[in-house]
Amino acid sequence: MFNRSSLSLPVICAPMFLVTGPSLVREACLAGLVGVLPRHNARTLEQFEEWLDAIQTARKEALAHSTKVGPLVVSVSAKLPAAQIVATLVARLVREYEIACAPRDLLLARENI
């Protein structure tokens, strides 16, 4: 959930097939809008994870400066095979768990901070 006060305007940057990419979504979020990233625009799970990481990094940096930052939403197409949808969600949860449970010094080394 997010707080509506984090939005500059109550606007959703809608997902568009083969148009919406990480740059558009990142800028929408940084402008205080709801950014929606369509999963099916990334060709591979690895590319999708890279997009999510880049967007989340930019959002966290902006939040550190007390900027209004809109939420990131992922649009999962029902046209994807169920196994691919599950694999995407499970891989992301595993990655977030690894980050949350990693010792701080390993996390910093891993993210090259």
C-alpha atoms as a PDB file:
ATOM      1  CA  MET A   1       0.000   0.000   0.000  1.00  0.00           C
ATOM      2  CA  PHE A   2       1.028   3.558  -0.498  1.00  0.00           C
ATOM      3  CA  ASN A   3      -0.048   6.847   0.949  1.00  0.00           C
ATOM      4  CA  ARG A   4      -1.930   9.096  -1.466  1.00  0.00           C
ATOM      5  CA  SER A   5       0.038  12.054  -0.148  1.00  0.00           C
ATOM      6  CA  SER A   6       3.116  10.604  -1.905  1.00  0.00           C
ATOM      7  CA  LEU A   7       1.521  11.482  -5.252  1.00  0.00           C
ATOM      8  CA  SER A   8       1.981  14.834  -6.973  1.00  0.00           C
ATOM      9  CA  LEU A   9      -1.163  14.161  -8.989  1.00  0.00           C
ATOM     10  CA  PRO A  10      -3.599  11.242  -8.931  1.00  0.00           C
ATOM     11  CA  VAL A  11      -2.291  10.004 -12.292  1.00  0.00           C
ATOM     12  CA  ILE A  12      -1.357   6.529 -13.504  1.00  0.00           C
ATOM     13  CA  CYS A  13       1.243   6.148 -16.231  1.00  0.00           C
ATOM     14  CA  ALA A  14      -0.569   3.303 -17.960  1.00  0.00           C
ATOM     15  CA  PRO A  15       1.338   0.306 -19.319  1.00  0.00           C
ATOM     16  CA  MET A  16       1.567   0.253 -23.109  1.00  0.00           C
ATOM     17  CA  PHE A  17       2.725  -2.819 -24.998  1.00  0.00           C
ATOM     18  CA  LEU A  18       6.261  -2.329 -26.353  1.00  0.00           C
ATOM     19  CA  VAL A  19       6.163   1.371 -25.412  1.00  0.00           C
ATOM     20  CA  THR A  20       6.412   1.484 -21.636  1.00  0.00           C
ATOM     21  CA  GLY A  21       9.903   0.697 -20.447  1.00  0.00           C
ATOM     22  CA  PRO A  22      11.993   1.286 -17.364  1.00  0.00           C
ATOM     23  CA  SER A  23      12.876   4.896 -18.259  1.00  0.00           C
ATOM     24  CA  LEU A  24       9.253   5.983 -18.625  1.00  0.00           C
ATOM     25  CA  VAL A  25       8.177   4.192 -15.452  1.00  0.00           C
ATOM     26  CA  ARG A  26      11.143   5.550 -13.465  1.00  0.00           C
ATOM     27  CA  GLU A  27      10.405   9.122 -14.536  1.00  0.00           C
ATOM     28  CA  ALA A  28       6.699   8.731 -13.792  1.00  0.00           C
ATOM     29  CA  CYS A  29       7.500   7.529 -10.267  1.00  0.00           C
ATOM     30  CA  LEU A  30      10.037  10.316  -9.740  1.00  0.00           C
ATOM     31  CA  ALA A  31       7.421  12.852 -10.872  1.00  0.00           C
ATOM     32  CA  GLY A  32       5.103  11.601  -8.131  1.00  0.00           C
ATOM     33  CA  LEU A  33       2.839   9.582 -10.427  1.00  0.00           C
ATOM     34  CA  VAL A  34       1.938   5.895 -10.292  1.00  0.00           C
ATOM     35  CA  GLY A  35       4.359   4.102 -12.624  1.00  0.00           C
ATOM     36  CA  VAL A  36       3.156   0.817 -14.111  1.00  0.00           C
ATOM     37  CA  LEU A  37       5.733  -1.549 -15.601  1.00  0.00           C
ATOM     38  CA  PRO A  38       4.317  -4.254 -17.889  1.00  0.00           C
ATOM     39  CA  ARG A  39       6.090  -7.563 -17.260  1.00  0.00           C
ATOM     40  CA  HIS A  40       5.559  -8.726 -20.829  1.00  0.00           C
ATOM     41  CA  ASN A  41       7.627  -5.845 -22.281  1.00  0.00           C
ATOM     42  CA  ALA A  42      10.814  -7.403 -20.897  1.00  0.00           C
ATOM     43  CA  ARG A  43      11.994 -10.247 -23.085  1.00  0.00           C
ATOM     44  CA  THR A  44      13.519 -12.275 -20.245  1.00  0.00           C
ATOM     45  CA  LEU A  45      13.079 -12.627 -16.510  1.00  0.00           C
ATOM     46  CA  GLU A  46      16.641 -11.355 -16.064  1.00  0.00           C
ATOM     47  CA  GLN A  47      15.882  -8.204 -18.064  1.00  0.00           C
ATOM     48  CA  PHE A  48      12.708  -7.641 -16.044  1.00  0.00           C
ATOM     49  CA  GLU A  49      14.629  -7.978 -12.785  1.00  0.00           C
ATOM     50  CA  GLU A  50      17.227  -5.468 -14.032  1.00  0.00           C
ATOM     51  CA  TRP A  51      14.432  -3.028 -14.854  1.00  0.00           C
ATOM     52  CA  LEU A  52      12.857  -3.440 -11.415  1.00  0.00           C
ATOM     53  CA  ASP A  53      16.192  -2.978  -9.666  1.00  0.00           C
ATOM     54  CA  ALA A  54      17.012   0.179 -11.644  1.00  0.00           C
ATOM     55  CA  ILE A  55      13.605   1.725 -10.972  1.00  0.00           C
ATOM     56  CA  GLN A  56      13.675   0.827  -7.275  1.00  0.00           C
ATOM     57  CA  THR A  57      17.192   2.254  -6.898  1.00  0.00           C
ATOM     58  CA  ALA A  58      16.099   5.568  -8.415  1.00  0.00           C
ATOM     59  CA  ARG A  59      12.985   5.637  -6.211  1.00  0.00           C
ATOM     60  CA  LYS A  60      15.013   4.959  -3.049  1.00  0.00           C
ATOM     61  CA  GLU A  61      17.509   7.723  -3.912  1.00  0.00           C
ATOM     62  CA  ALA A  62      14.670  10.201  -4.430  1.00  0.00           C
ATOM     63  CA  LEU A  63      12.965   9.139  -1.196  1.00  0.00           C
ATOM     64  CA  ALA A  64      16.225   9.733   0.671  1.00  0.00           C
ATOM     65  CA  HIS A  65      15.961  13.379  -0.406  1.00  0.00           C
ATOM     66  CA  SER A  66      12.365  13.678   0.845  1.00  0.00           C
ATOM     67  CA  THR A  67      11.020  13.935  -2.690  1.00  0.00           C
ATOM     68  CA  LYS A  68       7.448  12.899  -3.489  1.00  0.00           C
ATOM     69  CA  VAL A  69       7.829   9.562  -5.203  1.00  0.00           C
ATOM     70  CA  GLY A  70       4.984   7.614  -6.748  1.00  0.00           C
ATOM     71  CA  PRO A  71       4.621   3.873  -6.296  1.00  0.00           C
ATOM     72  CA  LEU A  72       5.840   1.250  -8.735  1.00  0.00           C
ATOM     73  CA  VAL A  73       3.197  -1.213  -9.944  1.00  0.00           C
ATOM     74  CA  VAL A  74       3.848  -4.312 -12.037  1.00  0.00           C
ATOM     75  CA  SER A  75       1.333  -5.337 -14.664  1.00  0.00           C
ATOM     76  CA  VAL A  76       1.329  -9.079 -15.297  1.00  0.00           C
ATOM     77  CA  SER A  77      -0.351 -10.146 -18.502  1.00  0.00           C
ATOM     78  CA  ALA A  78      -2.838 -12.976 -18.371  1.00  0.00           C
ATOM     79  CA  LYS A  79      -1.511 -13.999 -21.779  1.00  0.00           C
ATOM     80  CA  LEU A  80       1.737 -15.185 -20.240  1.00  0.00           C
ATOM     81  CA  PRO A  81       1.844 -18.866 -19.382  1.00  0.00           C
ATOM     82  CA  ALA A  82       0.956 -19.466 -15.732  1.00  0.00           C
ATOM     83  CA  ALA A  83       4.372 -21.013 -15.113  1.00  0.00           C
ATOM     84  CA  GLN A  84       6.105 -17.839 -16.330  1.00  0.00           C
ATOM     85  CA  ILE A  85       3.925 -15.620 -14.103  1.00  0.00           C
ATOM     86  CA  VAL A  86       4.686 -17.805 -11.081  1.00  0.00           C
ATOM     87  CA  ALA A  87       8.407 -17.924 -11.943  1.00  0.00           C
ATOM     88  CA  THR A  88       8.526 -14.117 -12.179  1.00  0.00           C
ATOM     89  CA  LEU A  89       6.806 -13.612  -8.845  1.00  0.00           C
ATOM     90  CA  VAL A  90       8.790 -16.311  -7.044  1.00  0.00           C
ATOM     91  CA  ALA A  91      12.128 -15.058  -8.406  1.00  0.00           C
ATOM     92  CA  ARG A  92      11.352 -11.522  -7.261  1.00  0.00           C
ATOM     93  CA  LEU A  93      10.281 -12.668  -3.788  1.00  0.00           C
ATOM     94  CA  VAL A  94      13.433 -14.768  -3.425  1.00  0.00           C
ATOM     95  CA  ARG A  95      15.571 -11.778  -4.487  1.00  0.00           C
ATOM     96  CA  GLU A  96      13.841  -9.461  -2.013  1.00  0.00           C
ATOM     97  CA  TYR A  97      14.248 -12.068   0.741  1.00  0.00           C
ATOM     98  CA  GLU A  98      17.958 -12.395  -0.043  1.00  0.00           C
ATOM     99  CA  ILE A  99      18.386  -8.609   0.120  1.00  0.00           C
ATOM    100  CA  ALA A 100      16.399  -8.282   3.337  1.00  0.00           C
ATOM    101  CA  CYS A 101      18.302 -11.094   5.060  1.00  0.00           C
ATOM    102  CA  ALA A 102      21.798 -10.304   3.773  1.00  0.00           C
ATOM    103  CA  PRO A 103      24.319  -8.906   6.230  1.00  0.00           C
ATOM    104  CA  ARG A 104      24.735  -5.158   5.640  1.00  0.00           C
ATOM    105  CA  ASP A 105      28.388  -5.388   4.540  1.00  0.00           C
ATOM    106  CA  LEU A 106      27.588  -8.069   1.947  1.00  0.00           C
ATOM    107  CA  LEU A 107      24.656  -6.025   0.672  1.00  0.00           C
ATOM    108  CA  LEU A 108      26.855  -2.973   0.197  1.00  0.00           C
ATOM    109  CA  ALA A 109      29.496  -5.005  -1.629  1.00  0.00           C
ATOM    110  CA  ARG A 110      26.898  -6.674  -3.806  1.00  0.00           C
ATOM    111  CA  GLU A 111      25.326  -3.379  -4.878  1.00  0.00           C
ATOM    112  CA  ASN A 112      28.700  -1.623  -5.277  1.00  0.00           C
ATOM    113  CA  ILE A 113      27.777   1.223  -2.947  1.00  0.00           C
END
